[in-house]
C-alpha atoms as a PDB file:
ATOM      1  CA  UNK A   1     -40.611 -18.567 -41.935  1.00  0.00           C
ATOM      2  CA  UNK A   2     -39.085 -15.034 -43.086  1.00  0.00           C
ATOM      3  CA  UNK A   3     -36.305 -14.923 -45.687  1.00  0.00           C
ATOM      4  CA  UNK A   4     -33.273 -12.996 -46.852  1.00  0.00           C
ATOM      5  CA  UNK A   5     -33.613 -10.927 -50.002  1.00  0.00           C
ATOM      6  CA  UNK A   6     -32.106 -12.013 -53.294  1.00  0.00           C
ATOM      7  CA  UNK A   7     -33.299  -9.104 -55.431  1.00  0.00           C
ATOM      8  CA  UNK A   8     -35.756  -6.248 -55.665  1.00  0.00           C
ATOM      9  CA  UNK A   9     -36.562  -6.208 -59.358  1.00  0.00           C
ATOM     10  CA  UNK A  10     -38.640  -8.449 -61.567  1.00  0.00           C
ATOM     11  CA  UNK A  11     -36.627 -11.175 -63.293  1.00  0.00           C
ATOM     12  CA  UNK A  12     -36.253 -11.373 -67.007  1.00  0.00           C
ATOM     13  CA  UNK A  13     -38.117 -14.167 -68.765  1.00  0.00           C
ATOM     14  CA  UNK A  14     -36.523 -17.618 -68.722  1.00  0.00           C
ATOM     15  CA  UNK A  15     -38.221 -20.141 -70.973  1.00  0.00           C
ATOM     16  CA  UNK A  16     -35.304 -22.179 -72.327  1.00  0.00           C
ATOM     17  CA  UNK A  17     -35.763 -25.940 -72.216  1.00  0.00           C
ATOM     18  CA  UNK A  18     -32.046 -26.751 -71.994  1.00  0.00           C
ATOM     19  CA  UNK A  19     -29.950 -25.865 -68.931  1.00  0.00           C
ATOM     20  CA  UNK A  20     -28.739 -22.266 -69.148  1.00  0.00           C
ATOM     21  CA  UNK A  21     -25.158 -21.583 -70.129  1.00  0.00           C
ATOM     22  CA  UNK A  22     -22.663 -19.945 -67.784  1.00  0.00           C
ATOM     23  CA  UNK A  23     -23.104 -16.677 -69.659  1.00  0.00           C
ATOM     24  CA  UNK A  24     -26.889 -16.854 -69.277  1.00  0.00           C
ATOM     25  CA  UNK A  25     -26.656 -17.605 -65.565  1.00  0.00           C
ATOM     26  CA  UNK A  26     -24.241 -14.723 -65.061  1.00  0.00           C
ATOM     27  CA  UNK A  27     -26.604 -12.415 -66.938  1.00  0.00           C
ATOM     28  CA  UNK A  28     -29.510 -13.522 -64.757  1.00  0.00           C
ATOM     29  CA  UNK A  29     -27.480 -12.984 -61.590  1.00  0.00           C
ATOM     30  CA  UNK A  30     -26.413  -9.481 -62.628  1.00  0.00           C
ATOM     31  CA  UNK A  31     -29.908  -8.506 -63.784  1.00  0.00           C
ATOM     32  CA  UNK A  32     -31.996  -9.957 -60.968  1.00  0.00           C
ATOM     33  CA  UNK A  33     -29.786 -10.436 -57.918  1.00  0.00           C
ATOM     34  CA  UNK A  34     -26.598  -8.361 -57.975  1.00  0.00           C
ATOM     35  CA  UNK A  35     -28.559  -5.105 -57.871  1.00  0.00           C
ATOM     36  CA  UNK A  36     -29.228  -5.844 -54.194  1.00  0.00           C
ATOM     37  CA  UNK A  37     -26.683  -8.445 -53.122  1.00  0.00           C
ATOM     38  CA  UNK A  38     -23.786  -6.944 -55.021  1.00  0.00           C
ATOM     39  CA  UNK A  39     -21.857  -8.243 -57.976  1.00  0.00           C
ATOM     40  CA  UNK A  40     -19.807 -10.499 -55.693  1.00  0.00           C
ATOM     41  CA  UNK A  41     -22.759 -11.528 -53.489  1.00  0.00           C
ATOM     42  CA  UNK A  42     -21.248  -9.848 -50.425  1.00  0.00           C
ATOM     43  CA  UNK A  43     -24.292  -7.646 -49.930  1.00  0.00           C
ATOM     44  CA  UNK A  44     -25.122  -3.959 -50.210  1.00  0.00           C
ATOM     45  CA  UNK A  45     -27.189  -1.484 -48.206  1.00  0.00           C
ATOM     46  CA  UNK A  46     -30.240  -2.982 -49.916  1.00  0.00           C
ATOM     47  CA  UNK A  47     -29.723  -6.656 -49.035  1.00  0.00           C
ATOM     48  CA  UNK A  48     -27.491  -8.863 -46.874  1.00  0.00           C
ATOM     49  CA  UNK A  49     -24.437 -10.838 -47.918  1.00  0.00           C
ATOM     50  CA  UNK A  50     -24.900 -14.371 -49.191  1.00  0.00           C
ATOM     51  CA  UNK A  51     -21.410 -15.380 -48.133  1.00  0.00           C
ATOM     52  CA  UNK A  52     -21.477 -18.766 -46.450  1.00  0.00           C
ATOM     53  CA  UNK A  53     -25.249 -19.107 -46.818  1.00  0.00           C
ATOM     54  CA  UNK A  54     -24.845 -22.195 -48.925  1.00  0.00           C
ATOM     55  CA  UNK A  55     -26.816 -23.904 -51.662  1.00  0.00           C
ATOM     56  CA  UNK A  56     -29.657 -24.768 -49.275  1.00  0.00           C
ATOM     57  CA  UNK A  57     -30.466 -21.106 -48.648  1.00  0.00           C
ATOM     58  CA  UNK A  58     -30.388 -20.097 -52.313  1.00  0.00           C
ATOM     59  CA  UNK A  59     -32.412 -23.106 -53.430  1.00  0.00           C
ATOM     60  CA  UNK A  60     -34.993 -22.483 -50.697  1.00  0.00           C
ATOM     61  CA  UNK A  61     -35.461 -18.830 -51.610  1.00  0.00           C
ATOM     62  CA  UNK A  62     -35.749 -19.509 -55.334  1.00  0.00           C
ATOM     63  CA  UNK A  63     -37.889 -22.648 -55.283  1.00  0.00           C
ATOM     64  CA  UNK A  64     -40.396 -21.055 -52.897  1.00  0.00           C
ATOM     65  CA  UNK A  65     -40.589 -17.964 -55.100  1.00  0.00           C
ATOM     66  CA  UNK A  66     -39.654 -15.679 -52.217  1.00  0.00           C
ATOM     67  CA  UNK A  67     -36.898 -14.250 -54.360  1.00  0.00           C
ATOM     68  CA  UNK A  68     -36.432 -12.219 -56.479  1.00  0.00           C
ATOM     69  CA  UNK A  69     -38.680  -9.538 -55.023  1.00  0.00           C
ATOM     70  CA  UNK A  70     -40.834  -7.563 -57.473  1.00  0.00           C
ATOM     71  CA  UNK A  71     -39.729  -4.082 -58.433  1.00  0.00           C
ATOM     72  CA  UNK A  72     -42.683  -2.564 -56.590  1.00  0.00           C
ATOM     73  CA  UNK A  73     -41.728  -4.154 -53.276  1.00  0.00           C
ATOM     74  CA  UNK A  74     -40.476  -1.807 -50.562  1.00  0.00           C
ATOM     75  CA  UNK A  75     -37.569  -2.556 -48.246  1.00  0.00           C
ATOM     76  CA  UNK A  76     -40.059  -3.393 -45.474  1.00  0.00           C
ATOM     77  CA  UNK A  77     -42.375  -5.540 -47.613  1.00  0.00           C
ATOM     78  CA  UNK A  78     -43.221  -8.984 -46.291  1.00  0.00           C
ATOM     79  CA  UNK A  79     -41.497 -11.756 -48.163  1.00  0.00           C
ATOM     80  CA  UNK A  80     -44.062 -14.408 -49.025  1.00  0.00           C
ATOM     81  CA  UNK A  81     -44.221 -17.610 -50.992  1.00  0.00           C
ATOM     82  CA  UNK A  82     -44.999 -17.229 -54.695  1.00  0.00           C
ATOM     83  CA  UNK A  83     -44.701 -19.224 -57.874  1.00  0.00           C
ATOM     84  CA  UNK A  84     -40.975 -19.572 -58.675  1.00  0.00           C
ATOM     85  CA  UNK A  85     -39.667 -16.971 -61.094  1.00  0.00           C
ATOM     86  CA  UNK A  86     -37.374 -19.457 -62.827  1.00  0.00           C
ATOM     87  CA  UNK A  87     -37.614 -22.987 -64.154  1.00  0.00           C
ATOM     88  CA  UNK A  88     -35.911 -25.858 -62.329  1.00  0.00           C
ATOM     89  CA  UNK A  89     -32.822 -25.861 -64.549  1.00  0.00           C
ATOM     90  CA  UNK A  90     -32.233 -22.151 -64.043  1.00  0.00           C
ATOM     91  CA  UNK A  91     -32.698 -22.468 -60.281  1.00  0.00           C
ATOM     92  CA  UNK A  92     -30.119 -25.260 -60.153  1.00  0.00           C
ATOM     93  CA  UNK A  93     -27.662 -23.269 -62.248  1.00  0.00           C
ATOM     94  CA  UNK A  94     -28.170 -20.100 -60.193  1.00  0.00           C
ATOM     95  CA  UNK A  95     -27.725 -22.032 -56.962  1.00  0.00           C
ATOM     96  CA  UNK A  96     -24.436 -23.484 -58.184  1.00  0.00           C
ATOM     97  CA  UNK A  97     -23.289 -20.067 -59.398  1.00  0.00           C
ATOM     98  CA  UNK A  98     -24.033 -18.282 -56.124  1.00  0.00           C
ATOM     99  CA  UNK A  99     -22.438 -21.050 -54.069  1.00  0.00           C
ATOM    100  CA  UNK A 100     -19.265 -20.837 -56.145  1.00  0.00           C
ATOM    101  CA  UNK A 101     -19.308 -17.058 -55.895  1.00  0.00           C
ATOM    102  CA  UNK A 102     -19.831 -16.714 -52.147  1.00  0.00           C
ATOM    103  CA  UNK A 103     -18.175 -19.785 -50.688  1.00  0.00           C
ATOM    104  CA  UNK A 104     -19.475 -22.821 -48.833  1.00  0.00           C
ATOM    105  CA  UNK A 105     -22.386 -23.275 -46.495  1.00  0.00           C
ATOM    106  CA  UNK A 106     -25.205 -25.754 -45.881  1.00  0.00           C
ATOM    107  CA  UNK A 107     -25.736 -28.020 -48.881  1.00  0.00           C
ATOM    108  CA  UNK A 108     -29.199 -28.929 -50.134  1.00  0.00           C
ATOM    109  CA  UNK A 109     -30.229 -31.722 -47.732  1.00  0.00           C
ATOM    110  CA  UNK A 110     -31.046 -35.167 -49.026  1.00  0.00           C
ATOM    111  CA  UNK A 111     -34.389 -36.229 -47.555  1.00  0.00           C
ATOM    112  CA  UNK A 112     -35.273 -39.922 -47.299  1.00  0.00           C
ATOM    113  CA  UNK A 113     -38.692 -40.522 -45.725  1.00  0.00           C
ATOM    114  CA  UNK A 114     -38.622 -44.299 -46.204  1.00  0.00           C
ATOM    115  CA  UNK A 115     -38.041 -45.001 -42.518  1.00  0.00           C
ATOM    116  CA  UNK A 116     -39.365 -41.730 -41.096  1.00  0.00           C
ATOM    117  CA  UNK A 117     -41.449 -41.925 -37.927  1.00  0.00           C
ATOM    118  CA  UNK A 118     -44.395 -39.514 -38.140  1.00  0.00           C
ATOM    119  CA  UNK A 119     -45.204 -39.842 -34.426  1.00  0.00           C
ATOM    120  CA  UNK A 120     -41.661 -38.944 -33.364  1.00  0.00           C
ATOM    121  CA  UNK A 121     -41.666 -36.143 -35.918  1.00  0.00           C
ATOM    122  CA  UNK A 122     -44.826 -34.795 -34.310  1.00  0.00           C
ATOM    123  CA  UNK A 123     -43.113 -34.739 -30.922  1.00  0.00           C
ATOM    124  CA  UNK A 124     -40.184 -32.762 -32.297  1.00  0.00           C
ATOM    125  CA  UNK A 125     -42.497 -30.438 -34.230  1.00  0.00           C
ATOM    126  CA  UNK A 126     -44.553 -29.581 -31.170  1.00  0.00           C
ATOM    127  CA  UNK A 127     -41.360 -29.065 -29.181  1.00  0.00           C
ATOM    128  CA  UNK A 128     -39.383 -27.017 -31.718  1.00  0.00           C
ATOM    129  CA  UNK A 129     -41.766 -25.598 -34.330  1.00  0.00           C
ATOM    130  CA  UNK A 130     -45.379 -25.316 -33.175  1.00  0.00           C
ATOM    131  CA  UNK A 131     -44.763 -22.205 -31.071  1.00  0.00           C
ATOM    132  CA  UNK A 132     -44.336 -20.197 -34.286  1.00  0.00           C
ATOM    133  CA  UNK A 133     -45.942 -22.247 -37.060  1.00  0.00           C
ATOM    134  CA  UNK A 134     -48.939 -23.387 -34.961  1.00  0.00           C
ATOM    135  CA  UNK A 135     -49.578 -26.998 -34.054  1.00  0.00           C
ATOM    136  CA  UNK A 136     -51.340 -27.681 -37.381  1.00  0.00           C
ATOM    137  CA  UNK A 137     -48.672 -25.967 -39.508  1.00  0.00           C
ATOM    138  CA  UNK A 138     -51.009 -23.116 -40.468  1.00  0.00           C
ATOM    139  CA  UNK A 139     -48.520 -20.408 -39.491  1.00  0.00           C
ATOM    140  CA  UNK A 140     -48.892 -17.734 -36.864  1.00  0.00           C
ATOM    141  CA  UNK A 141     -48.391 -14.075 -36.069  1.00  0.00           C
ATOM    142  CA  UNK A 142     -45.181 -12.965 -34.355  1.00  0.00           C
ATOM    143  CA  UNK A 143     -43.867  -9.555 -33.299  1.00  0.00           C
ATOM    144  CA  UNK A 144     -43.737  -7.390 -36.464  1.00  0.00           C
ATOM    145  CA  UNK A 145     -43.658 -10.538 -38.628  1.00  0.00           C
ATOM    146  CA  UNK A 146     -45.357 -13.873 -39.108  1.00  0.00           C
ATOM    147  CA  UNK A 147     -44.355 -17.510 -39.444  1.00  0.00           C
ATOM    148  CA  UNK A 148     -45.641 -18.895 -42.754  1.00  0.00           C
ATOM    149  CA  UNK A 149     -47.936 -21.837 -43.251  1.00  0.00           C
ATOM    150  CA  UNK A 150     -46.121 -25.044 -44.158  1.00  0.00           C
ATOM    151  CA  UNK A 151     -48.675 -26.932 -46.247  1.00  0.00           C
ATOM    152  CA  UNK A 152     -47.238 -25.966 -49.640  1.00  0.00           C
ATOM    153  CA  UNK A 153     -43.656 -26.833 -48.689  1.00  0.00           C
ATOM    154  CA  UNK A 154     -41.945 -29.789 -50.313  1.00  0.00           C
ATOM    155  CA  UNK A 155     -39.903 -32.210 -48.171  1.00  0.00           C
ATOM    156  CA  UNK A 156     -36.656 -30.645 -49.394  1.00  0.00           C
ATOM    157  CA  UNK A 157     -37.890 -27.121 -48.659  1.00  0.00           C
ATOM    158  CA  UNK A 158     -38.864 -28.105 -45.119  1.00  0.00           C
ATOM    159  CA  UNK A 159     -35.444 -29.677 -44.560  1.00  0.00           C
ATOM    160  CA  UNK A 160     -33.686 -26.631 -46.030  1.00  0.00           C
ATOM    161  CA  UNK A 161     -35.578 -24.257 -43.755  1.00  0.00           C
ATOM    162  CA  UNK A 162     -34.713 -26.362 -40.714  1.00  0.00           C
ATOM    163  CA  UNK A 163     -31.014 -26.460 -41.539  1.00  0.00           C
ATOM    164  CA  UNK A 164     -30.466 -22.835 -42.637  1.00  0.00           C
ATOM    165  CA  UNK A 165     -33.075 -20.950 -40.617  1.00  0.00           C
ATOM    166  CA  UNK A 166     -34.298 -18.391 -43.193  1.00  0.00           C
ATOM    167  CA  UNK A 167     -34.858 -14.882 -41.853  1.00  0.00           C
ATOM    168  CA  UNK A 168     -35.275 -14.849 -38.071  1.00  0.00           C
ATOM    169  CA  UNK A 169     -35.976 -18.566 -37.839  1.00  0.00           C
ATOM    170  CA  UNK A 170     -33.245 -20.369 -35.877  1.00  0.00           C
ATOM    171  CA  UNK A 171     -31.144 -22.905 -37.743  1.00  0.00           C
ATOM    172  CA  UNK A 172     -31.207 -26.459 -36.387  1.00  0.00           C
ATOM    173  CA  UNK A 173     -27.917 -28.259 -36.908  1.00  0.00           C
ATOM    174  CA  UNK A 174     -27.027 -31.887 -36.271  1.00  0.00           C
ATOM    175  CA  UNK A 175     -26.728 -31.247 -32.539  1.00  0.00           C
ATOM    176  CA  UNK A 176     -30.354 -30.125 -32.390  1.00  0.00           C
ATOM    177  CA  UNK A 177     -31.834 -32.524 -34.961  1.00  0.00           C
ATOM    178  CA  UNK A 178     -29.866 -35.329 -36.554  1.00  0.00           C
ATOM    179  CA  UNK A 179     -30.724 -36.574 -40.041  1.00  0.00           C
ATOM    180  CA  UNK A 180     -33.204 -39.179 -38.792  1.00  0.00           C
ATOM    181  CA  UNK A 181     -34.994 -36.662 -36.577  1.00  0.00           C
ATOM    182  CA  UNK A 182     -35.062 -34.219 -39.466  1.00  0.00           C
ATOM    183  CA  UNK A 183     -36.668 -36.857 -41.692  1.00  0.00           C
ATOM    184  CA  UNK A 184     -39.233 -37.515 -38.946  1.00  0.00           C
ATOM    185  CA  UNK A 185     -40.109 -33.810 -38.743  1.00  0.00           C
ATOM    186  CA  UNK A 186     -40.377 -33.517 -42.519  1.00  0.00           C
ATOM    187  CA  UNK A 187     -42.692 -36.542 -42.637  1.00  0.00           C
ATOM    188  CA  UNK A 188     -44.900 -35.010 -39.957  1.00  0.00           C
ATOM    189  CA  UNK A 189     -45.073 -31.647 -41.733  1.00  0.00           C
ATOM    190  CA  UNK A 190     -46.175 -33.403 -44.906  1.00  0.00           C
ATOM    191  CA  UNK A 191     -48.739 -35.372 -42.874  1.00  0.00           C
ATOM    192  CA  UNK A 192     -50.177 -32.071 -41.606  1.00  0.00           C
ATOM    193  CA  UNK A 193     -51.120 -31.159 -45.161  1.00  0.00           C
ATOM    194  CA  UNK A 194     -53.733 -33.948 -45.195  1.00  0.00           C
ATOM    195  CA  UNK A 195     -54.153 -35.246 -41.635  1.00  0.00           C
ATOM    196  CA  UNK A 196     -56.483 -38.106 -40.732  1.00  0.00           C
ATOM    197  CA  UNK A 197     -59.429 -36.608 -38.871  1.00  0.00           C
ATOM    198  CA  UNK A 198     -60.650 -39.688 -37.056  1.00  0.00           C
ATOM    199  CA  UNK A 199     -62.903 -37.755 -34.699  1.00  0.00           C
ATOM    200  CA  UNK A 200     -65.175 -36.404 -37.400  1.00  0.00           C
ATOM    201  CA  UNK A 201     -65.254 -32.760 -38.454  1.00  0.00           C
ATOM    202  CA  UNK A 202     -61.783 -31.221 -38.175  1.00  0.00           C
ATOM    203  CA  UNK A 203     -63.094 -27.745 -37.220  1.00  0.00           C
ATOM    204  CA  UNK A 204     -60.353 -26.302 -39.441  1.00  0.00           C
ATOM    205  CA  UNK A 205     -57.656 -27.913 -37.257  1.00  0.00           C
ATOM    206  CA  UNK A 206     -57.742 -25.040 -34.820  1.00  0.00           C
ATOM    207  CA  UNK A 207     -57.124 -27.235 -31.811  1.00  0.00           C
ATOM    208  CA  UNK A 208     -59.035 -28.075 -28.614  1.00  0.00           C
ATOM    209  CA  UNK A 209     -60.387 -24.548 -28.049  1.00  0.00           C
ATOM    210  CA  UNK A 210     -62.981 -24.606 -30.869  1.00  0.00           C
ATOM    211  CA  UNK A 211     -63.925 -28.165 -29.953  1.00  0.00           C
ATOM    212  CA  UNK A 212     -64.617 -27.087 -26.373  1.00  0.00           C
ATOM    213  CA  UNK A 213     -66.454 -23.989 -27.578  1.00  0.00           C
ATOM    214  CA  UNK A 214     -68.730 -26.071 -29.805  1.00  0.00           C
ATOM    215  CA  UNK A 215     -69.456 -28.413 -26.902  1.00  0.00           C
ATOM    216  CA  UNK A 216     -70.363 -25.491 -24.645  1.00  0.00           C
ATOM    217  CA  UNK A 217     -72.548 -23.825 -27.261  1.00  0.00           C
ATOM    218  CA  UNK A 218     -74.415 -27.036 -28.051  1.00  0.00           C
ATOM    219  CA  UNK A 219     -74.729 -27.984 -24.387  1.00  0.00           C
ATOM    220  CA  UNK A 220     -75.963 -24.584 -23.245  1.00  0.00           C
ATOM    221  CA  UNK A 221     -78.281 -24.349 -26.249  1.00  0.00           C
ATOM    222  CA  UNK A 222     -79.793 -27.713 -25.384  1.00  0.00           C
ATOM    223  CA  UNK A 223     -80.309 -26.686 -21.746  1.00  0.00           C
ATOM    224  CA  UNK A 224     -81.982 -23.431 -22.813  1.00  0.00           C
ATOM    225  CA  UNK A 225     -84.336 -25.310 -25.114  1.00  0.00           C
ATOM    226  CA  UNK A 226     -85.235 -27.780 -22.360  1.00  0.00           C
ATOM    227  CA  UNK A 227     -85.793 -24.920 -19.876  1.00  0.00           C
ATOM    228  CA  UNK A 228     -88.031 -23.078 -22.341  1.00  0.00           C
ATOM    229  CA  UNK A 229     -89.984 -26.246 -23.045  1.00  0.00           C
ATOM    230  CA  UNK A 230     -90.536 -26.933 -19.354  1.00  0.00           C
ATOM    231  CA  UNK A 231     -91.567 -23.326 -18.720  1.00  0.00           C
ATOM    232  CA  UNK A 232     -94.173 -23.427 -21.452  1.00  0.00           C
ATOM    233  CA  UNK A 233     -95.942 -26.568 -20.208  1.00  0.00           C
ATOM    234  CA  UNK A 234     -99.367 -25.838 -18.760  1.00  0.00           C
ATOM    235  CA  UNK A 235     -99.973 -27.117 -15.214  1.00  0.00           C
ATOM    236  CA  UNK A 236    -102.566 -29.877 -14.927  1.00  0.00           C
ATOM    237  CA  UNK A 237    -106.024 -28.847 -13.583  1.00  0.00           C
END
């Protein structure tokens, strides 16, 4: 999944145990985010506007460490998952600050997997997601970009990505996936992190192609060995 930019400089250190004050959050925003997204969050030539993007977008970008970008990153650099630059309290405060600054948008979804159906989630995943993220959630190459692997994503991050569609990923609203279907998909994505390989060796979860290839290699190898053995037998006198 690609993402919008929240900054292009390294963040200042944040090690406070208590939630940051309004002044501290404002300082962080101006130092790490406004340089690209503008003081009011409406965007600049360096980064898009955050208006209407909502708390889900901001929380997703910050908790996955995709933002802020390092100072050395170019405008065409790939945005990838990293360790978050801020602690949880700072991320929450920044998310609230940006949402207040730029207006409404998708809220952080509440994910309840108590009654989630993994099988139904798998059906939706293969229908809506596997074309880009691969059937095992390992990610895949696209034109001039790539869909990220999903194994490190938390349930909330998966739900956020589905609802807001970071980068070029389409957003799936209630009409496409209702809350129950979303919970099913999230449960399936988490299952993909440690699937049950009942058939033996998983072959790296690459799908039926490697399984068929192994069968062909072993089968042909066995036939070659049998042929060689028959050819080497001496005829009886």
